[in-house]
Amino acid sequence: MQQVIVFLLSNFTLTFFVAGLIAALIALLRHPKPWSRPVVVEAMLSWFLFFALGVTFLYNFVMHVFFSEMAASFIGWQTSPFQKEVGFASLGFSLVGFLASRGGAGMRLAAILGPACFLWGAAIGHVIQMVEAHNYAPGNAGVIFYTDIFIPLIGFVLLWLSREQDPRLNYAR
């Protein structure tokens, strides 16, 4: 059981993404059938924003601000005062993610766009660390690396699919 808990918390970006999928499924199961595409997309997007961004970045805030030695070690780095800055930026992303889970199109775009810049920049940093420093620590080259790439992509796809609910997001015009 300890190994499962360590795996789930060490791979928190994947854990909370899956939690969002489970929450979306539960929300859909409580919704009358048949489910329309907009209903499915709304459930997926709102719970993605809540868990994959809101909860994930809240966890990142806690780890970098209150458990900085553990977080740095997991990434394969030494502790740094910059971790607090990353932590408080994560808190901001978290709060916007929580608000966007029930917010409008503009809020949702902002909730995905800010973290996308951060996560894709982090992914580039991970690659540089792997190539130059041979840093293959789990927090640099493991699940975190892949979710840094794919979480924003999934968010943008869900946002694009939700354009039917809000005509302001219909980019085909």
Protein backbone atom coordinates (compact mmCIF):
# COMPACT_ATOMS: atom_id res chain seq x y z
CA MET A 1 0.00 0.00 0.00
CA GLN A 2 2.87 2.36 0.79
CA GLN A 3 4.28 1.85 -2.72
CA VAL A 4 0.91 2.72 -4.26
CA ILE A 5 0.66 5.91 -2.22
CA VAL A 6 4.23 6.90 -3.08
CA PHE A 7 3.55 6.21 -6.79
CA LEU A 8 0.33 8.26 -6.77
CA LEU A 9 1.89 11.23 -4.97
CA SER A 10 5.14 11.09 -6.95
CA ASN A 11 3.18 11.10 -10.20
CA PHE A 12 0.65 13.65 -8.99
CA THR A 13 0.11 15.22 -12.41
CA LEU A 14 -1.12 11.89 -13.78
CA THR A 15 -2.97 11.05 -10.56
CA PHE A 16 -5.00 14.25 -10.58
CA PHE A 17 -5.62 14.04 -14.33
CA VAL A 18 -7.13 10.57 -13.81
CA ALA A 19 -9.09 11.89 -10.81
CA GLY A 20 -10.59 14.48 -13.16
CA LEU A 21 -11.58 11.75 -15.62
CA ILE A 22 -13.23 9.79 -12.81
CA ALA A 23 -15.07 12.91 -11.57
CA ALA A 24 -16.28 13.62 -15.13
CA LEU A 25 -17.54 10.05 -15.46
CA ILE A 26 -19.39 10.30 -12.13
CA ALA A 27 -20.92 13.62 -13.22
CA LEU A 28 -22.03 12.05 -16.50
CA LEU A 29 -23.49 9.01 -14.76
CA ARG A 30 -25.62 11.37 -12.69
CA HIS A 31 -26.81 13.20 -15.83
CA PRO A 32 -29.84 11.92 -17.77
CA LYS A 33 -29.10 9.94 -20.90
CA PRO A 34 -28.58 10.20 -23.77
CA TRP A 35 -25.53 12.37 -23.29
CA SER A 36 -24.99 14.96 -25.98
CA ARG A 37 -21.49 15.85 -27.12
CA PRO A 38 -21.66 19.28 -25.41
CA VAL A 39 -22.63 17.64 -22.11
CA VAL A 40 -19.71 15.19 -22.30
CA VAL A 41 -17.24 17.91 -23.29
CA GLU A 42 -18.45 20.20 -20.49
CA ALA A 43 -18.03 17.44 -17.90
CA MET A 44 -14.56 16.58 -19.20
CA LEU A 45 -13.39 20.20 -19.42
CA SER A 46 -14.77 21.39 -16.09
CA TRP A 47 -13.31 18.47 -14.14
CA PHE A 48 -10.04 18.69 -16.11
CA LEU A 49 -9.73 22.32 -15.02
CA PHE A 50 -10.60 21.49 -11.42
CA PHE A 51 -8.26 18.50 -10.99
CA ALA A 52 -5.56 18.57 -13.71
CA LEU A 53 -4.93 22.27 -13.13
CA GLY A 54 -6.54 23.36 -9.85
CA VAL A 55 -5.60 20.45 -7.60
CA THR A 56 -2.33 19.65 -9.39
CA PHE A 57 -0.99 23.19 -9.05
CA LEU A 58 -2.22 23.43 -5.45
CA TYR A 59 -0.20 20.27 -4.70
CA ASN A 60 2.78 21.79 -6.54
CA PHE A 61 2.45 24.94 -4.40
CA VAL A 62 2.44 22.92 -1.18
CA MET A 63 5.43 20.81 -2.24
CA HIS A 64 7.62 23.70 -3.43
CA VAL A 65 6.78 26.05 -0.56
CA PHE A 66 6.50 23.72 2.44
CA PHE A 67 8.51 20.65 1.37
CA SER A 68 11.14 22.31 -0.83
CA GLU A 69 13.96 19.87 0.00
CA MET A 70 11.81 16.88 -0.94
CA ALA A 71 10.59 18.58 -4.15
CA ALA A 72 14.11 19.55 -5.21
CA SER A 73 15.43 16.06 -4.54
CA PHE A 74 12.60 14.54 -6.58
CA ILE A 75 13.55 16.77 -9.53
CA GLY A 76 17.24 15.99 -9.10
CA TRP A 77 18.18 19.52 -8.03
CA GLN A 78 19.50 21.31 -5.00
CA THR A 79 17.05 23.46 -3.04
CA SER A 80 16.74 27.03 -4.22
CA PRO A 81 14.90 30.18 -3.14
CA PHE A 82 13.30 30.12 -6.59
CA GLN A 83 11.20 27.16 -5.48
CA LYS A 84 9.09 29.50 -3.39
CA GLU A 85 8.49 31.62 -6.50
CA VAL A 86 7.48 28.53 -8.50
CA GLY A 87 5.26 27.53 -5.60
CA PHE A 88 3.42 30.85 -5.47
CA ALA A 89 3.06 30.94 -9.28
CA SER A 90 1.55 27.46 -8.95
CA LEU A 91 -0.88 28.78 -6.36
CA GLY A 92 -2.04 31.40 -8.86
CA PHE A 93 -2.50 28.78 -11.59
CA SER A 94 -4.40 26.63 -9.10
CA LEU A 95 -6.84 29.36 -8.13
CA VAL A 96 -7.52 30.25 -11.76
CA GLY A 97 -8.05 26.55 -12.53
CA PHE A 98 -10.60 26.25 -9.72
CA LEU A 99 -12.44 29.39 -10.86
CA ALA A 100 -12.36 28.35 -14.52
CA SER A 101 -13.91 24.97 -13.76
CA ARG A 102 -17.21 26.84 -13.38
CA GLY A 103 -16.26 29.93 -15.40
CA GLY A 104 -16.74 31.19 -18.91
CA ALA A 105 -14.74 30.74 -22.08
CA GLY A 106 -12.24 33.54 -21.44
CA MET A 107 -11.48 32.32 -17.94
CA ARG A 108 -11.02 28.79 -19.26
CA LEU A 109 -8.65 29.92 -21.99
CA ALA A 110 -6.59 31.85 -19.42
CA ALA A 111 -6.58 28.84 -17.07
CA ILE A 112 -5.05 26.66 -19.79
CA LEU A 113 -2.80 29.21 -21.51
CA GLY A 114 -0.76 30.29 -18.45
CA PRO A 115 0.06 26.76 -17.28
CA ALA A 116 0.75 25.71 -20.89
CA CYS A 117 3.53 28.30 -21.13
CA PHE A 118 4.92 27.18 -17.78
CA LEU A 119 4.64 23.43 -18.46
CA TRP A 120 6.04 23.53 -21.99
CA GLY A 121 8.91 25.69 -20.75
CA ALA A 122 9.49 23.16 -17.97
CA ALA A 123 9.47 20.31 -20.52
CA ILE A 124 12.20 22.08 -22.50
CA GLY A 125 14.14 22.50 -19.25
CA HIS A 126 13.72 18.79 -18.51
CA VAL A 127 15.14 17.87 -21.92
CA ILE A 128 18.11 20.19 -21.41
CA GLN A 129 18.71 18.62 -17.97
CA MET A 130 18.53 15.11 -19.46
CA VAL A 131 20.94 15.93 -22.29
CA GLU A 132 23.43 18.18 -20.52
CA ALA A 133 23.34 16.98 -16.90
CA HIS A 134 22.15 13.39 -17.47
CA ASN A 135 19.40 14.14 -14.94
CA TYR A 136 16.97 11.24 -15.15
CA ALA A 137 15.42 11.76 -11.72
CA PRO A 138 11.71 10.83 -11.66
CA GLY A 139 10.69 14.47 -11.25
CA ASN A 140 12.71 15.45 -14.32
CA ALA A 141 12.45 12.55 -16.77
CA GLY A 142 9.51 10.50 -15.53
CA VAL A 143 5.76 10.93 -15.74
CA ILE A 144 6.12 14.63 -14.88
CA PHE A 145 8.00 15.24 -18.14
CA TYR A 146 5.27 13.64 -20.25
CA THR A 147 2.40 15.32 -18.45
CA ASP A 148 4.18 18.67 -18.85
CA ILE A 149 3.73 18.14 -22.59
CA PHE A 150 0.35 16.45 -22.76
CA ILE A 151 -1.74 18.18 -20.05
CA PRO A 152 -1.76 21.52 -21.93
CA LEU A 153 -2.48 19.73 -25.22
CA ILE A 154 -5.44 17.93 -23.67
CA GLY A 155 -6.67 21.21 -22.19
CA PHE A 156 -6.52 22.98 -25.54
CA VAL A 157 -8.30 20.09 -27.28
CA LEU A 158 -11.08 20.12 -24.68
CA LEU A 159 -11.35 23.90 -25.00
CA TRP A 160 -11.55 23.62 -28.79
CA LEU A 161 -14.25 20.94 -28.49
CA SER A 162 -16.21 23.21 -26.15
CA ARG A 163 -16.46 25.96 -28.77
CA GLU A 164 -20.01 24.76 -29.56
CA GLN A 165 -21.12 25.84 -26.09
CA ASP A 166 -19.65 29.33 -26.49
CA PRO A 167 -19.63 30.89 -29.98
CA ARG A 168 -16.80 33.23 -28.91
CA LEU A 169 -14.53 30.16 -29.03
CA ASN A 170 -15.50 29.21 -32.59
CA TYR A 171 -12.11 29.84 -34.17
CA ALA A 172 -13.30 28.64 -37.58
CA ARG A 173 -15.13 31.95 -38.21
